[in-house]
């Protein structure tokens, strides 16, 4: 917990690790999606166990591995934010609440 905000950073956790974590409901404010959105994690059963306000996938546009995988992105709803789309994602944390700071404009991408 950071400033009253519950974070879940799954790093490069695989589906096998997710099975171990998903034995109970997980309530978090911010979920950092595992392994840049690869298809080795973010199983449907795991995502059903997470109650999150925002989910973030961090990766660059056009990366050599093709992350995030489109099949993984489809498992999420509008609360998913991907750095390839926004370059940098900012949140405001105040009094135990988190809010995404939607950019007023996104700079022209270099790609």
N, C-alpha and C. Protein backbone atom coordinates (compact mmCIF):
# COMPACT_ATOMS: atom_id res chain seq x y z
N UNK A 1 0.84 -1.17 0.00
CA UNK A 1 0.00 0.00 0.00
C UNK A 1 0.90 1.24 0.00
N UNK A 2 0.57 2.20 -0.85
CA UNK A 2 1.32 3.44 -0.96
C UNK A 2 0.32 4.59 -0.82
N UNK A 3 0.51 5.41 0.20
CA UNK A 3 -0.39 6.54 0.45
C UNK A 3 -1.86 6.13 0.43
N UNK A 4 -2.14 4.97 0.97
CA UNK A 4 -3.52 4.50 1.04
C UNK A 4 -4.01 3.83 -0.23
N UNK A 5 -3.15 3.73 -1.23
CA UNK A 5 -3.52 3.11 -2.50
C UNK A 5 -2.97 1.69 -2.54
N UNK A 6 -3.84 0.75 -2.90
CA UNK A 6 -3.42 -0.66 -3.00
C UNK A 6 -2.95 -0.94 -4.42
N UNK A 7 -1.71 -1.42 -4.53
CA UNK A 7 -1.09 -1.70 -5.82
C UNK A 7 -0.82 -3.19 -5.96
N UNK A 8 -1.00 -3.71 -7.16
CA UNK A 8 -0.62 -5.08 -7.46
C UNK A 8 0.29 -5.04 -8.67
N UNK A 9 1.56 -5.34 -8.45
CA UNK A 9 2.56 -5.39 -9.51
C UNK A 9 2.95 -6.85 -9.69
N UNK A 10 2.48 -7.46 -10.75
CA UNK A 10 2.71 -8.88 -10.95
C UNK A 10 3.99 -9.20 -11.71
N UNK A 11 4.75 -8.17 -12.08
CA UNK A 11 6.04 -8.41 -12.74
C UNK A 11 5.88 -9.28 -13.96
N UNK A 12 6.60 -10.38 -14.00
CA UNK A 12 6.52 -11.34 -15.11
C UNK A 12 5.85 -12.63 -14.66
N UNK A 13 4.88 -12.52 -13.76
CA UNK A 13 4.18 -13.70 -13.25
C UNK A 13 3.51 -14.45 -14.39
N UNK A 14 3.60 -15.77 -14.32
CA UNK A 14 2.98 -16.61 -15.35
C UNK A 14 1.57 -17.02 -14.89
N UNK A 15 0.87 -17.70 -15.77
CA UNK A 15 -0.47 -18.19 -15.43
C UNK A 15 -0.39 -19.13 -14.23
N UNK A 16 0.68 -19.89 -14.12
CA UNK A 16 0.85 -20.80 -12.98
C UNK A 16 0.91 -20.02 -11.66
N UNK A 17 1.65 -18.92 -11.65
CA UNK A 17 1.73 -18.08 -10.45
C UNK A 17 0.38 -17.43 -10.18
N UNK A 18 -0.30 -17.00 -11.23
CA UNK A 18 -1.63 -16.42 -11.05
C UNK A 18 -2.59 -17.39 -10.37
N UNK A 19 -2.49 -18.67 -10.72
CA UNK A 19 -3.35 -19.67 -10.07
C UNK A 19 -3.13 -19.70 -8.57
N UNK A 20 -1.87 -19.57 -8.16
CA UNK A 20 -1.57 -19.55 -6.73
C UNK A 20 -2.13 -18.30 -6.05
N UNK A 21 -2.13 -17.18 -6.75
CA UNK A 21 -2.62 -15.92 -6.19
C UNK A 21 -4.14 -15.83 -6.18
N UNK A 22 -4.80 -16.55 -7.07
CA UNK A 22 -6.23 -16.34 -7.27
C UNK A 22 -7.12 -17.20 -6.39
N UNK A 23 -6.61 -17.68 -5.29
CA UNK A 23 -7.45 -18.49 -4.40
C UNK A 23 -8.46 -17.63 -3.64
N UNK A 24 -8.26 -16.31 -3.66
CA UNK A 24 -9.22 -15.41 -3.01
C UNK A 24 -9.35 -14.13 -3.82
N UNK A 25 -10.37 -13.37 -3.53
CA UNK A 25 -10.62 -12.10 -4.21
C UNK A 25 -9.50 -11.11 -3.87
N UNK A 26 -9.01 -10.39 -4.88
CA UNK A 26 -7.95 -9.41 -4.69
C UNK A 26 -8.52 -8.03 -5.02
N UNK A 27 -8.52 -7.14 -4.05
CA UNK A 27 -9.01 -5.78 -4.25
C UNK A 27 -7.83 -4.82 -4.30
N UNK A 28 -7.67 -4.16 -5.45
CA UNK A 28 -6.58 -3.21 -5.62
C UNK A 28 -7.09 -1.96 -6.36
N UNK A 29 -6.38 -0.88 -6.18
CA UNK A 29 -6.71 0.34 -6.91
C UNK A 29 -6.02 0.35 -8.27
N UNK A 30 -4.77 -0.12 -8.29
CA UNK A 30 -3.99 -0.10 -9.52
C UNK A 30 -3.33 -1.46 -9.73
N UNK A 31 -3.62 -2.06 -10.87
CA UNK A 31 -3.07 -3.36 -11.24
C UNK A 31 -2.13 -3.18 -12.41
N UNK A 32 -0.85 -3.46 -12.20
CA UNK A 32 0.15 -3.42 -13.27
C UNK A 32 0.14 -4.80 -13.92
N UNK A 33 -0.33 -4.86 -15.14
CA UNK A 33 -0.52 -6.12 -15.85
C UNK A 33 0.82 -6.80 -16.08
N UNK A 34 0.84 -8.10 -15.88
CA UNK A 34 2.07 -8.89 -15.96
C UNK A 34 2.63 -8.95 -17.37
N UNK A 35 3.93 -9.02 -17.43
CA UNK A 35 4.73 -9.31 -18.62
C UNK A 35 4.30 -8.54 -19.86
N UNK A 36 4.03 -7.24 -19.70
CA UNK A 36 3.75 -6.33 -20.82
C UNK A 36 2.53 -6.75 -21.65
N UNK A 37 1.65 -7.57 -21.04
CA UNK A 37 0.46 -8.00 -21.77
C UNK A 37 0.69 -9.20 -22.67
N UNK A 38 1.69 -10.02 -22.33
CA UNK A 38 1.94 -11.22 -23.15
C UNK A 38 0.85 -12.26 -22.85
N UNK A 39 0.79 -13.28 -23.70
CA UNK A 39 -0.23 -14.31 -23.51
C UNK A 39 0.19 -15.39 -22.50
N UNK A 40 1.29 -15.16 -21.79
CA UNK A 40 1.71 -16.11 -20.75
C UNK A 40 1.13 -15.74 -19.39
N UNK A 41 0.31 -14.68 -19.35
CA UNK A 41 -0.29 -14.25 -18.08
C UNK A 41 -1.62 -13.56 -18.36
N UNK A 42 -2.21 -13.01 -17.30
CA UNK A 42 -3.52 -12.34 -17.39
C UNK A 42 -4.60 -13.29 -17.87
N UNK A 43 -4.65 -14.46 -17.26
CA UNK A 43 -5.68 -15.43 -17.61
C UNK A 43 -7.06 -14.89 -17.21
N UNK A 44 -8.07 -15.36 -17.89
CA UNK A 44 -9.43 -14.93 -17.61
C UNK A 44 -9.81 -15.25 -16.17
N UNK A 45 -9.45 -16.42 -15.69
CA UNK A 45 -9.80 -16.79 -14.31
C UNK A 45 -9.12 -15.88 -13.29
N UNK A 46 -7.89 -15.48 -13.56
CA UNK A 46 -7.20 -14.57 -12.65
C UNK A 46 -7.85 -13.19 -12.66
N UNK A 47 -8.17 -12.70 -13.85
CA UNK A 47 -8.78 -11.38 -13.94
C UNK A 47 -10.15 -11.33 -13.27
N UNK A 48 -10.85 -12.45 -13.24
CA UNK A 48 -12.15 -12.49 -12.55
C UNK A 48 -11.98 -12.35 -11.04
N UNK A 49 -10.80 -12.66 -10.53
CA UNK A 49 -10.54 -12.58 -9.09
C UNK A 49 -10.04 -11.20 -8.65
N UNK A 50 -9.68 -10.35 -9.61
CA UNK A 50 -9.14 -9.03 -9.28
C UNK A 50 -10.23 -7.97 -9.42
N UNK A 51 -10.42 -7.23 -8.37
CA UNK A 51 -11.29 -6.06 -8.41
C UNK A 51 -10.35 -4.85 -8.43
N UNK A 52 -10.23 -4.20 -9.59
CA UNK A 52 -9.28 -3.10 -9.74
C UNK A 52 -9.99 -1.85 -10.25
N UNK A 53 -9.41 -0.70 -9.95
CA UNK A 53 -9.93 0.55 -10.49
C UNK A 53 -9.29 0.85 -11.85
N UNK A 54 -7.98 0.63 -11.95
CA UNK A 54 -7.25 0.82 -13.19
C UNK A 54 -6.29 -0.34 -13.39
N UNK A 55 -6.07 -0.69 -14.65
CA UNK A 55 -5.04 -1.66 -15.02
C UNK A 55 -4.12 -0.97 -16.03
N UNK A 56 -2.82 -1.23 -15.93
CA UNK A 56 -1.86 -0.58 -16.81
C UNK A 56 -0.95 -1.63 -17.45
N UNK A 57 -0.80 -1.51 -18.77
CA UNK A 57 0.18 -2.31 -19.50
C UNK A 57 1.26 -1.34 -19.97
N UNK A 58 2.50 -1.65 -19.62
CA UNK A 58 3.62 -0.79 -20.01
C UNK A 58 4.43 -1.46 -21.12
N UNK A 59 4.46 -0.79 -22.26
CA UNK A 59 5.29 -1.25 -23.37
C UNK A 59 5.35 -0.18 -24.43
N UNK A 60 6.24 -0.36 -25.35
CA UNK A 60 6.39 0.60 -26.44
C UNK A 60 5.62 0.15 -27.66
N UNK A 61 5.24 1.10 -28.46
CA UNK A 61 4.54 0.83 -29.71
C UNK A 61 5.46 0.06 -30.65
N UNK A 62 4.92 -0.95 -31.30
CA UNK A 62 5.68 -1.68 -32.30
C UNK A 62 6.86 -2.46 -31.76
N UNK A 63 6.81 -2.88 -30.49
CA UNK A 63 7.94 -3.62 -29.94
C UNK A 63 8.10 -4.96 -30.65
N UNK A 64 9.29 -5.50 -30.61
CA UNK A 64 9.61 -6.70 -31.39
C UNK A 64 8.84 -7.94 -30.99
N UNK A 65 8.22 -7.95 -29.80
CA UNK A 65 7.49 -9.12 -29.34
C UNK A 65 5.99 -9.03 -29.63
N UNK A 66 5.55 -7.88 -30.11
CA UNK A 66 4.13 -7.72 -30.41
C UNK A 66 3.25 -7.58 -29.18
N UNK A 67 3.84 -7.08 -28.07
CA UNK A 67 3.06 -6.89 -26.84
C UNK A 67 2.39 -5.53 -26.86
N UNK A 68 1.25 -5.40 -26.26
CA UNK A 68 0.47 -6.46 -25.64
C UNK A 68 -0.24 -7.28 -26.72
N UNK A 69 -0.47 -8.53 -26.41
CA UNK A 69 -1.20 -9.40 -27.33
C UNK A 69 -2.66 -8.96 -27.35
N UNK A 70 -3.22 -8.87 -28.52
CA UNK A 70 -4.60 -8.38 -28.67
C UNK A 70 -5.58 -9.25 -27.90
N UNK A 71 -5.33 -10.56 -27.86
CA UNK A 71 -6.23 -11.45 -27.12
C UNK A 71 -6.23 -11.13 -25.62
N UNK A 72 -5.11 -10.64 -25.11
CA UNK A 72 -5.02 -10.25 -23.70
C UNK A 72 -5.74 -8.91 -23.49
N UNK A 73 -5.52 -7.96 -24.38
CA UNK A 73 -6.18 -6.65 -24.26
C UNK A 73 -7.69 -6.82 -24.23
N UNK A 74 -8.23 -7.72 -25.03
CA UNK A 74 -9.68 -7.95 -25.10
C UNK A 74 -10.26 -8.48 -23.78
N UNK A 75 -9.43 -9.00 -22.91
CA UNK A 75 -9.90 -9.50 -21.62
C UNK A 75 -10.22 -8.39 -20.63
N UNK A 76 -9.80 -7.17 -20.96
CA UNK A 76 -9.99 -6.02 -20.08
C UNK A 76 -11.12 -5.14 -20.61
N UNK A 77 -11.52 -4.18 -19.78
CA UNK A 77 -12.52 -3.21 -20.21
C UNK A 77 -11.88 -1.83 -20.33
N UNK A 78 -12.69 -0.79 -20.29
CA UNK A 78 -12.20 0.58 -20.50
C UNK A 78 -11.28 1.07 -19.41
N UNK A 79 -11.12 0.32 -18.34
CA UNK A 79 -10.21 0.73 -17.26
C UNK A 79 -8.75 0.38 -17.56
N UNK A 80 -8.50 -0.25 -18.71
CA UNK A 80 -7.14 -0.60 -19.11
C UNK A 80 -6.48 0.57 -19.81
N UNK A 81 -5.28 0.92 -19.37
CA UNK A 81 -4.48 1.98 -19.99
C UNK A 81 -3.17 1.35 -20.48
N UNK A 82 -2.76 1.71 -21.70
CA UNK A 82 -1.56 1.12 -22.29
C UNK A 82 -0.61 2.26 -22.67
N UNK A 83 0.64 2.15 -22.26
CA UNK A 83 1.59 3.24 -22.53
C UNK A 83 1.81 3.47 -24.01
N UNK A 84 1.64 2.48 -24.85
CA UNK A 84 1.81 2.71 -26.29
C UNK A 84 0.80 3.73 -26.80
N UNK A 85 -0.34 3.85 -26.10
CA UNK A 85 -1.40 4.77 -26.51
C UNK A 85 -1.26 6.16 -25.91
N UNK A 86 -0.65 6.24 -24.72
CA UNK A 86 -0.59 7.51 -24.01
C UNK A 86 0.83 7.98 -23.70
N UNK A 87 1.82 7.22 -24.11
CA UNK A 87 3.23 7.50 -23.83
C UNK A 87 3.51 7.42 -22.33
N UNK A 88 3.00 8.36 -21.57
CA UNK A 88 3.18 8.35 -20.12
C UNK A 88 1.80 8.40 -19.49
N UNK A 89 1.61 7.62 -18.45
CA UNK A 89 0.32 7.57 -17.77
C UNK A 89 0.51 8.14 -16.37
N UNK A 90 -0.28 9.17 -16.07
CA UNK A 90 -0.18 9.84 -14.77
C UNK A 90 -1.43 9.57 -13.94
N UNK A 91 -1.19 9.42 -12.63
CA UNK A 91 -2.29 9.28 -11.67
C UNK A 91 -2.11 10.33 -10.59
N UNK A 92 -3.21 10.81 -10.08
CA UNK A 92 -3.17 11.70 -8.91
C UNK A 92 -3.66 10.88 -7.72
N UNK A 93 -2.86 10.92 -6.66
CA UNK A 93 -3.21 10.22 -5.43
C UNK A 93 -3.44 11.27 -4.35
N UNK A 94 -4.63 11.22 -3.76
CA UNK A 94 -4.96 12.20 -2.74
C UNK A 94 -5.97 11.58 -1.77
N UNK A 95 -5.60 11.62 -0.50
CA UNK A 95 -6.48 11.12 0.57
C UNK A 95 -6.98 9.70 0.31
N UNK A 96 -6.06 8.85 -0.10
CA UNK A 96 -6.39 7.44 -0.30
C UNK A 96 -7.20 7.14 -1.55
N UNK A 97 -7.28 8.09 -2.46
CA UNK A 97 -8.01 7.89 -3.72
C UNK A 97 -7.04 8.09 -4.88
N UNK A 98 -7.29 7.37 -5.96
CA UNK A 98 -6.45 7.47 -7.15
C UNK A 98 -7.32 7.89 -8.33
N UNK A 99 -6.76 8.76 -9.16
CA UNK A 99 -7.48 9.23 -10.33
C UNK A 99 -6.51 9.34 -11.49
N UNK A 100 -6.92 8.79 -12.63
CA UNK A 100 -6.12 8.90 -13.84
C UNK A 100 -6.23 10.33 -14.36
N UNK A 101 -5.08 10.92 -14.67
CA UNK A 101 -5.05 12.26 -15.24
C UNK A 101 -5.03 12.09 -16.76
N UNK A 102 -6.21 12.22 -17.35
CA UNK A 102 -6.34 12.05 -18.80
C UNK A 102 -5.58 13.19 -19.49
N UNK A 103 -4.72 12.85 -20.44
CA UNK A 103 -3.96 13.92 -21.10
C UNK A 103 -4.89 14.80 -21.93
N UNK A 104 -4.63 16.10 -21.90
CA UNK A 104 -5.44 17.00 -22.72
C UNK A 104 -5.11 16.81 -24.19
N UNK A 105 -3.91 16.38 -24.42
CA UNK A 105 -3.51 16.01 -25.78
C UNK A 105 -2.36 15.02 -25.65
N UNK A 106 -2.25 14.16 -26.61
CA UNK A 106 -1.13 13.22 -26.65
C UNK A 106 -0.21 13.71 -27.77
N UNK A 107 1.05 13.88 -27.40
CA UNK A 107 2.01 14.35 -28.39
C UNK A 107 2.08 13.39 -29.56
N UNK A 108 2.39 13.92 -30.72
CA UNK A 108 2.52 13.10 -31.92
C UNK A 108 3.56 12.02 -31.66
N UNK A 109 3.15 10.80 -31.93
CA UNK A 109 4.05 9.67 -31.74
C UNK A 109 5.15 9.70 -32.78
N UNK A 110 6.28 9.16 -32.42
CA UNK A 110 7.41 9.11 -33.32
C UNK A 110 7.33 7.92 -34.28
N UNK A 111 6.37 7.04 -34.07
CA UNK A 111 6.29 5.85 -34.89
C UNK A 111 5.16 5.89 -35.86
